[in-house]
Amino acid sequence: MPTTSQHAETIVLHTGYRSDPATTAVAVPIYQTTSYQFNSTEHAGNLFALKEFGNIYTRIMNPTQAVLEERVAALEGGVAALAKHLDIPEEQLAAWVAGRASPPPDIVVKAGDAVIRLSRKK
């Protein structure tokens, strides 16, 4: 859900999500699930064919990730963003981002694209 504010703080807090109608909570919920139920085989087919928007499998998309993507796009002035977990060693990713190594074969970004790297503290 877009916001008309130009302030980064407001964009980060409010883009992509409004309060939950059942609880009125305003924090984005973290959906800890791996899969979603389809209404029918036709519904599943439409989702996988991208004829209909919806959640298919949590590694592809999920509601929490969708809010993050909307917020990054709004902050960067873009039309869309993609948040993806890369299942490759940090050293390989860092070398590729720094230009010291070839990209992993499943990476589709090209020169000039922005890559933001966040790491978890161990």
N, C-alpha and C. Protein backbone atom coordinates (compact mmCIF):
# COMPACT_ATOMS: atom_id res chain seq x y z
N MET A 1 0.86 -1.17 0.00
CA MET A 1 0.00 0.00 0.00
C MET A 1 0.91 1.23 0.00
N PRO A 2 0.81 2.07 -1.02
CA PRO A 2 1.70 3.23 -1.09
C PRO A 2 1.33 4.32 -0.09
N THR A 3 2.33 5.11 0.24
CA THR A 3 2.11 6.27 1.09
C THR A 3 2.51 7.49 0.28
N THR A 4 1.91 8.63 0.54
CA THR A 4 2.24 9.84 -0.21
C THR A 4 3.38 10.61 0.43
N SER A 5 3.86 10.18 1.56
CA SER A 5 4.94 10.87 2.26
C SER A 5 6.25 10.74 1.51
N GLN A 6 7.09 11.75 1.62
CA GLN A 6 8.42 11.72 1.04
C GLN A 6 9.49 11.49 2.12
N HIS A 7 9.07 11.35 3.35
CA HIS A 7 10.00 11.16 4.46
C HIS A 7 10.35 9.68 4.58
N ALA A 8 11.66 9.38 4.57
CA ALA A 8 12.10 7.99 4.62
C ALA A 8 11.54 7.25 5.83
N GLU A 9 11.48 7.91 6.97
CA GLU A 9 10.99 7.27 8.18
C GLU A 9 9.54 6.82 8.03
N THR A 10 8.72 7.67 7.41
CA THR A 10 7.30 7.33 7.20
C THR A 10 7.17 6.22 6.17
N ILE A 11 7.95 6.30 5.10
CA ILE A 11 7.91 5.26 4.07
C ILE A 11 8.25 3.90 4.68
N VAL A 12 9.31 3.85 5.48
CA VAL A 12 9.75 2.59 6.07
C VAL A 12 8.70 2.02 7.01
N LEU A 13 7.97 2.87 7.70
CA LEU A 13 6.98 2.38 8.66
C LEU A 13 5.63 2.06 8.06
N HIS A 14 5.25 2.72 6.97
CA HIS A 14 3.86 2.61 6.53
C HIS A 14 3.64 2.07 5.13
N THR A 15 4.63 2.04 4.27
CA THR A 15 4.43 1.52 2.92
C THR A 15 4.21 0.02 2.96
N GLY A 16 3.25 -0.46 2.19
CA GLY A 16 3.05 -1.89 2.04
C GLY A 16 2.17 -2.57 3.06
N TYR A 17 1.80 -1.88 4.12
CA TYR A 17 0.99 -2.55 5.13
C TYR A 17 0.19 -1.53 5.92
N ARG A 18 -1.04 -1.86 6.19
CA ARG A 18 -1.89 -1.08 7.09
C ARG A 18 -2.34 -2.00 8.21
N SER A 19 -3.00 -1.49 9.17
CA SER A 19 -3.36 -2.31 10.34
C SER A 19 -4.19 -3.54 9.96
N ASP A 20 -3.99 -4.57 10.74
CA ASP A 20 -4.73 -5.81 10.57
C ASP A 20 -6.17 -5.57 11.00
N PRO A 21 -7.14 -5.86 10.15
CA PRO A 21 -8.54 -5.58 10.51
C PRO A 21 -9.04 -6.40 11.70
N ALA A 22 -8.48 -7.58 11.91
CA ALA A 22 -8.95 -8.42 13.02
C ALA A 22 -8.38 -7.97 14.36
N THR A 23 -7.11 -7.52 14.36
CA THR A 23 -6.46 -7.19 15.64
C THR A 23 -6.14 -5.70 15.79
N THR A 24 -6.20 -4.96 14.71
CA THR A 24 -5.80 -3.56 14.59
C THR A 24 -4.31 -3.34 14.86
N ALA A 25 -3.52 -4.41 14.87
CA ALA A 25 -2.07 -4.31 15.03
C ALA A 25 -1.48 -3.61 13.81
N VAL A 26 -0.51 -2.73 14.04
CA VAL A 26 0.09 -2.01 12.92
C VAL A 26 1.47 -2.53 12.54
N ALA A 27 2.06 -3.41 13.33
CA ALA A 27 3.35 -4.01 12.97
C ALA A 27 3.12 -5.10 11.93
N VAL A 28 4.06 -5.21 11.00
CA VAL A 28 3.95 -6.24 9.96
C VAL A 28 4.14 -7.60 10.61
N PRO A 29 3.19 -8.51 10.41
CA PRO A 29 3.35 -9.84 11.00
C PRO A 29 4.44 -10.63 10.27
N ILE A 30 5.10 -11.51 10.98
CA ILE A 30 6.07 -12.41 10.37
C ILE A 30 5.37 -13.75 10.19
N TYR A 31 5.16 -14.11 8.93
CA TYR A 31 4.48 -15.37 8.63
C TYR A 31 5.51 -16.48 8.60
N GLN A 32 5.48 -17.35 9.59
CA GLN A 32 6.42 -18.46 9.68
C GLN A 32 5.76 -19.69 9.09
N THR A 33 5.77 -19.75 7.78
CA THR A 33 5.18 -20.88 7.08
C THR A 33 6.04 -21.20 5.86
N THR A 34 5.89 -22.38 5.34
CA THR A 34 6.65 -22.77 4.15
C THR A 34 5.75 -22.92 2.93
N SER A 35 4.46 -23.06 3.14
CA SER A 35 3.58 -23.32 2.01
C SER A 35 2.20 -22.72 2.26
N TYR A 36 1.42 -22.70 1.21
CA TYR A 36 0.09 -22.07 1.26
C TYR A 36 -0.93 -23.01 0.64
N GLN A 37 -2.14 -22.88 1.09
CA GLN A 37 -3.22 -23.73 0.58
C GLN A 37 -3.84 -23.10 -0.65
N PHE A 38 -4.11 -23.91 -1.66
CA PHE A 38 -4.78 -23.44 -2.87
C PHE A 38 -6.27 -23.72 -2.75
N ASN A 39 -7.07 -22.83 -3.32
CA ASN A 39 -8.53 -23.00 -3.28
C ASN A 39 -8.99 -24.16 -4.15
N SER A 40 -8.26 -24.42 -5.23
CA SER A 40 -8.61 -25.49 -6.16
C SER A 40 -7.41 -25.74 -7.06
N THR A 41 -7.48 -26.77 -7.90
CA THR A 41 -6.39 -27.01 -8.84
C THR A 41 -6.32 -25.88 -9.87
N GLU A 42 -7.46 -25.32 -10.22
CA GLU A 42 -7.47 -24.19 -11.15
C GLU A 42 -6.77 -22.98 -10.53
N HIS A 43 -7.05 -22.71 -9.27
CA HIS A 43 -6.40 -21.62 -8.54
C HIS A 43 -4.88 -21.84 -8.52
N ALA A 44 -4.44 -23.05 -8.20
CA ALA A 44 -3.01 -23.36 -8.19
C ALA A 44 -2.41 -23.14 -9.57
N GLY A 45 -3.08 -23.60 -10.61
CA GLY A 45 -2.59 -23.42 -11.98
C GLY A 45 -2.45 -21.97 -12.35
N ASN A 46 -3.43 -21.16 -11.97
CA ASN A 46 -3.37 -19.73 -12.26
C ASN A 46 -2.22 -19.04 -11.53
N LEU A 47 -1.97 -19.45 -10.29
CA LEU A 47 -0.86 -18.87 -9.54
C LEU A 47 0.48 -19.21 -10.20
N PHE A 48 0.68 -20.48 -10.52
CA PHE A 48 1.94 -20.89 -11.11
C PHE A 48 2.13 -20.34 -12.52
N ALA A 49 1.03 -20.08 -13.24
CA ALA A 49 1.12 -19.49 -14.58
C ALA A 49 1.20 -17.96 -14.52
N LEU A 50 1.18 -17.42 -13.30
CA LEU A 50 1.23 -15.98 -13.07
C LEU A 50 0.03 -15.24 -13.68
N LYS A 51 -1.07 -15.94 -13.79
CA LYS A 51 -2.31 -15.31 -14.26
C LYS A 51 -3.05 -14.65 -13.10
N GLU A 52 -2.68 -15.06 -11.89
CA GLU A 52 -3.32 -14.56 -10.67
C GLU A 52 -2.22 -14.34 -9.63
N PHE A 53 -2.33 -13.26 -8.86
CA PHE A 53 -1.34 -12.98 -7.83
C PHE A 53 -1.70 -13.71 -6.55
N GLY A 54 -0.69 -14.26 -5.90
CA GLY A 54 -0.90 -14.92 -4.63
C GLY A 54 0.35 -15.65 -4.20
N ASN A 55 0.31 -16.19 -3.01
CA ASN A 55 1.46 -16.90 -2.47
C ASN A 55 1.45 -18.36 -2.90
N ILE A 56 2.61 -18.83 -3.31
CA ILE A 56 2.75 -20.20 -3.78
C ILE A 56 3.61 -21.00 -2.82
N TYR A 57 4.80 -20.51 -2.59
CA TYR A 57 5.79 -21.18 -1.75
C TYR A 57 6.63 -20.10 -1.12
N THR A 58 6.92 -20.21 0.15
CA THR A 58 7.52 -19.11 0.88
C THR A 58 8.90 -18.70 0.39
N ARG A 59 9.68 -19.58 -0.25
CA ARG A 59 10.97 -19.17 -0.80
C ARG A 59 10.80 -18.30 -2.04
N ILE A 60 9.66 -18.38 -2.68
CA ILE A 60 9.39 -17.55 -3.85
C ILE A 60 8.83 -16.21 -3.42
N MET A 61 7.86 -16.25 -2.52
CA MET A 61 7.24 -15.02 -2.01
C MET A 61 6.44 -15.34 -0.76
N ASN A 62 6.29 -14.33 0.07
CA ASN A 62 5.42 -14.47 1.24
C ASN A 62 4.97 -13.07 1.64
N PRO A 63 3.93 -12.95 2.44
CA PRO A 63 3.38 -11.63 2.77
C PRO A 63 4.38 -10.70 3.48
N THR A 64 5.22 -11.24 4.34
CA THR A 64 6.19 -10.40 5.04
C THR A 64 7.23 -9.86 4.06
N GLN A 65 7.70 -10.71 3.18
CA GLN A 65 8.68 -10.32 2.16
C GLN A 65 8.08 -9.29 1.21
N ALA A 66 6.81 -9.43 0.87
CA ALA A 66 6.15 -8.49 -0.03
C ALA A 66 6.16 -7.07 0.54
N VAL A 67 5.95 -6.94 1.84
CA VAL A 67 5.98 -5.61 2.47
C VAL A 67 7.39 -5.03 2.40
N LEU A 68 8.41 -5.85 2.67
CA LEU A 68 9.79 -5.40 2.56
C LEU A 68 10.08 -4.92 1.14
N GLU A 69 9.67 -5.67 0.15
CA GLU A 69 9.92 -5.30 -1.25
C GLU A 69 9.23 -3.98 -1.60
N GLU A 70 8.00 -3.79 -1.15
CA GLU A 70 7.30 -2.53 -1.41
C GLU A 70 8.01 -1.36 -0.76
N ARG A 71 8.50 -1.56 0.44
CA ARG A 71 9.19 -0.47 1.16
C ARG A 71 10.52 -0.13 0.51
N VAL A 72 11.28 -1.12 0.08
CA VAL A 72 12.55 -0.84 -0.60
C VAL A 72 12.29 -0.10 -1.90
N ALA A 73 11.30 -0.54 -2.65
CA ALA A 73 10.96 0.13 -3.91
C ALA A 73 10.56 1.58 -3.66
N ALA A 74 9.76 1.83 -2.63
CA ALA A 74 9.34 3.20 -2.32
C ALA A 74 10.51 4.06 -1.89
N LEU A 75 11.41 3.50 -1.08
CA LEU A 75 12.58 4.27 -0.62
C LEU A 75 13.51 4.61 -1.78
N GLU A 76 13.63 3.71 -2.74
CA GLU A 76 14.54 3.90 -3.86
C GLU A 76 13.89 4.60 -5.04
N GLY A 77 12.58 4.90 -4.93
CA GLY A 77 11.87 5.54 -6.03
C GLY A 77 11.63 4.61 -7.20
N GLY A 78 11.64 3.31 -6.95
CA GLY A 78 11.44 2.32 -8.01
C GLY A 78 10.00 1.87 -8.09
N VAL A 79 9.72 1.05 -9.09
CA VAL A 79 8.38 0.52 -9.25
C VAL A 79 8.23 -0.84 -8.58
N ALA A 80 9.36 -1.52 -8.33
CA ALA A 80 9.32 -2.82 -7.69
C ALA A 80 10.70 -3.13 -7.11
N ALA A 81 10.73 -4.08 -6.22
CA ALA A 81 11.99 -4.56 -5.64
C ALA A 81 11.85 -6.06 -5.45
N LEU A 82 12.98 -6.73 -5.34
CA LEU A 82 12.97 -8.16 -5.13
C LEU A 82 13.89 -8.48 -3.96
N ALA A 83 13.35 -9.13 -2.95
CA ALA A 83 14.15 -9.58 -1.82
C ALA A 83 14.33 -11.08 -1.98
N LYS A 84 15.56 -11.52 -1.95
CA LYS A 84 15.83 -12.94 -2.19
C LYS A 84 16.96 -13.40 -1.30
N HIS A 85 16.79 -14.53 -0.69
CA HIS A 85 17.85 -15.15 0.09
C HIS A 85 18.72 -15.94 -0.88
N LEU A 86 20.00 -15.65 -0.87
CA LEU A 86 20.93 -16.38 -1.72
C LEU A 86 21.57 -17.49 -0.90
N ASP A 87 21.40 -18.69 -1.34
CA ASP A 87 21.93 -19.83 -0.61
C ASP A 87 23.35 -20.14 -1.10
N ILE A 88 24.23 -19.14 -0.97
CA ILE A 88 25.62 -19.32 -1.36
C ILE A 88 26.49 -18.78 -0.23
N PRO A 89 27.74 -19.24 -0.13
CA PRO A 89 28.59 -18.76 0.96
C PRO A 89 28.81 -17.26 0.90
N GLU A 90 28.87 -16.62 2.06
CA GLU A 90 29.05 -15.17 2.14
C GLU A 90 30.32 -14.71 1.43
N GLU A 91 31.39 -15.49 1.53
CA GLU A 91 32.65 -15.11 0.89
C GLU A 91 32.49 -15.03 -0.62
N GLN A 92 31.78 -16.00 -1.20
CA GLN A 92 31.56 -16.00 -2.65
C GLN A 92 30.71 -14.81 -3.06
N LEU A 93 29.67 -14.52 -2.31
CA LEU A 93 28.81 -13.38 -2.60
C LEU A 93 29.59 -12.07 -2.49
N ALA A 94 30.38 -11.93 -1.42
CA ALA A 94 31.16 -10.70 -1.22
C ALA A 94 32.16 -10.51 -2.36
N ALA A 95 32.81 -11.58 -2.80
CA ALA A 95 33.78 -11.47 -3.90
C ALA A 95 33.08 -11.08 -5.19
N TRP A 96 31.90 -11.61 -5.43
CA TRP A 96 31.16 -11.26 -6.63
C TRP A 96 30.71 -9.80 -6.59
N VAL A 97 30.15 -9.36 -5.46
CA VAL A 97 29.69 -7.97 -5.33
C VAL A 97 30.86 -7.01 -5.51
N ALA A 98 32.04 -7.38 -5.02
CA ALA A 98 33.23 -6.53 -5.14
C ALA A 98 33.87 -6.62 -6.53
N GLY A 99 33.36 -7.50 -7.40
CA GLY A 99 33.89 -7.61 -8.75
C GLY A 99 35.10 -8.51 -8.86
N ARG A 100 35.39 -9.31 -7.84
CA ARG A 100 36.56 -10.18 -7.85
C ARG A 100 36.22 -11.61 -8.27
N ALA A 101 34.98 -11.88 -8.56
CA ALA A 101 34.57 -13.24 -8.94
C ALA A 101 33.39 -13.16 -9.88
N SER A 102 33.18 -14.22 -10.63
CA SER A 102 32.01 -14.31 -11.51
C SER A 102 30.77 -14.54 -10.67
N PRO A 103 29.61 -14.05 -11.15
CA PRO A 103 28.39 -14.27 -10.37
C PRO A 103 28.00 -15.74 -10.37
N PRO A 104 27.34 -16.19 -9.30
CA PRO A 104 26.81 -17.55 -9.30
C PRO A 104 25.87 -17.72 -10.49
N PRO A 105 25.71 -18.93 -11.00
CA PRO A 105 24.93 -19.13 -12.24
C PRO A 105 23.46 -18.73 -12.16
N ASP A 106 22.87 -18.69 -10.96
CA ASP A 106 21.45 -18.35 -10.85
C ASP A 106 21.20 -16.88 -10.54
N ILE A 107 22.22 -16.04 -10.58
CA ILE A 107 22.08 -14.62 -10.30
C ILE A 107 21.69 -13.90 -11.60
N VAL A 108 20.66 -13.06 -11.54
CA VAL A 108 20.19 -12.40 -12.75
C VAL A 108 20.40 -10.89 -12.73
N VAL A 109 21.14 -10.36 -11.76
CA VAL A 109 21.41 -8.93 -11.78
C VAL A 109 22.55 -8.66 -12.74
N LYS A 110 22.62 -7.43 -13.23
CA LYS A 110 23.66 -7.06 -14.19
C LYS A 110 24.35 -5.79 -13.73
N ALA A 111 25.37 -5.39 -14.43
CA ALA A 111 26.12 -4.19 -14.08
C ALA A 111 25.16 -3.01 -13.96
N GLY A 112 25.31 -2.24 -12.90
CA GLY A 112 24.47 -1.08 -12.66
C GLY A 112 23.30 -1.36 -11.73
N ASP A 113 22.97 -2.62 -11.51
CA ASP A 113 21.90 -2.97 -10.57
C ASP A 113 22.41 -2.79 -9.15
N ALA A 114 21.52 -2.46 -8.24
CA ALA A 114 21.90 -2.29 -6.84
C ALA A 114 21.76 -3.61 -6.11
N VAL A 115 22.78 -3.97 -5.37
CA VAL A 115 22.73 -5.16 -4.53
C VAL A 115 22.98 -4.69 -3.10
N ILE A 116 22.05 -4.97 -2.23
CA ILE A 116 22.19 -4.59 -0.83
C ILE A 116 22.44 -5.87 -0.05
N ARG A 117 23.52 -5.90 0.69
CA ARG A 117 23.90 -7.10 1.44
C ARG A 117 23.67 -6.86 2.92
N LEU A 118 22.87 -7.70 3.51
CA LEU A 118 22.65 -7.66 4.95
C LEU A 118 23.12 -8.99 5.51
N SER A 119 23.80 -8.95 6.62
CA SER A 119 24.25 -10.20 7.22
C SER A 119 23.76 -10.30 8.65
N ARG A 120 23.55 -11.51 9.07
CA ARG A 120 23.16 -11.79 10.44
C ARG A 120 24.39 -11.89 11.31
N LYS A 121 24.30 -11.38 12.50
CA LYS A 121 25.40 -11.56 13.46
C LYS A 121 25.33 -12.98 13.98
N LYS A 122 26.47 -13.59 14.06
CA LYS A 122 26.51 -14.99 14.50
C LYS A 122 26.82 -15.09 15.95
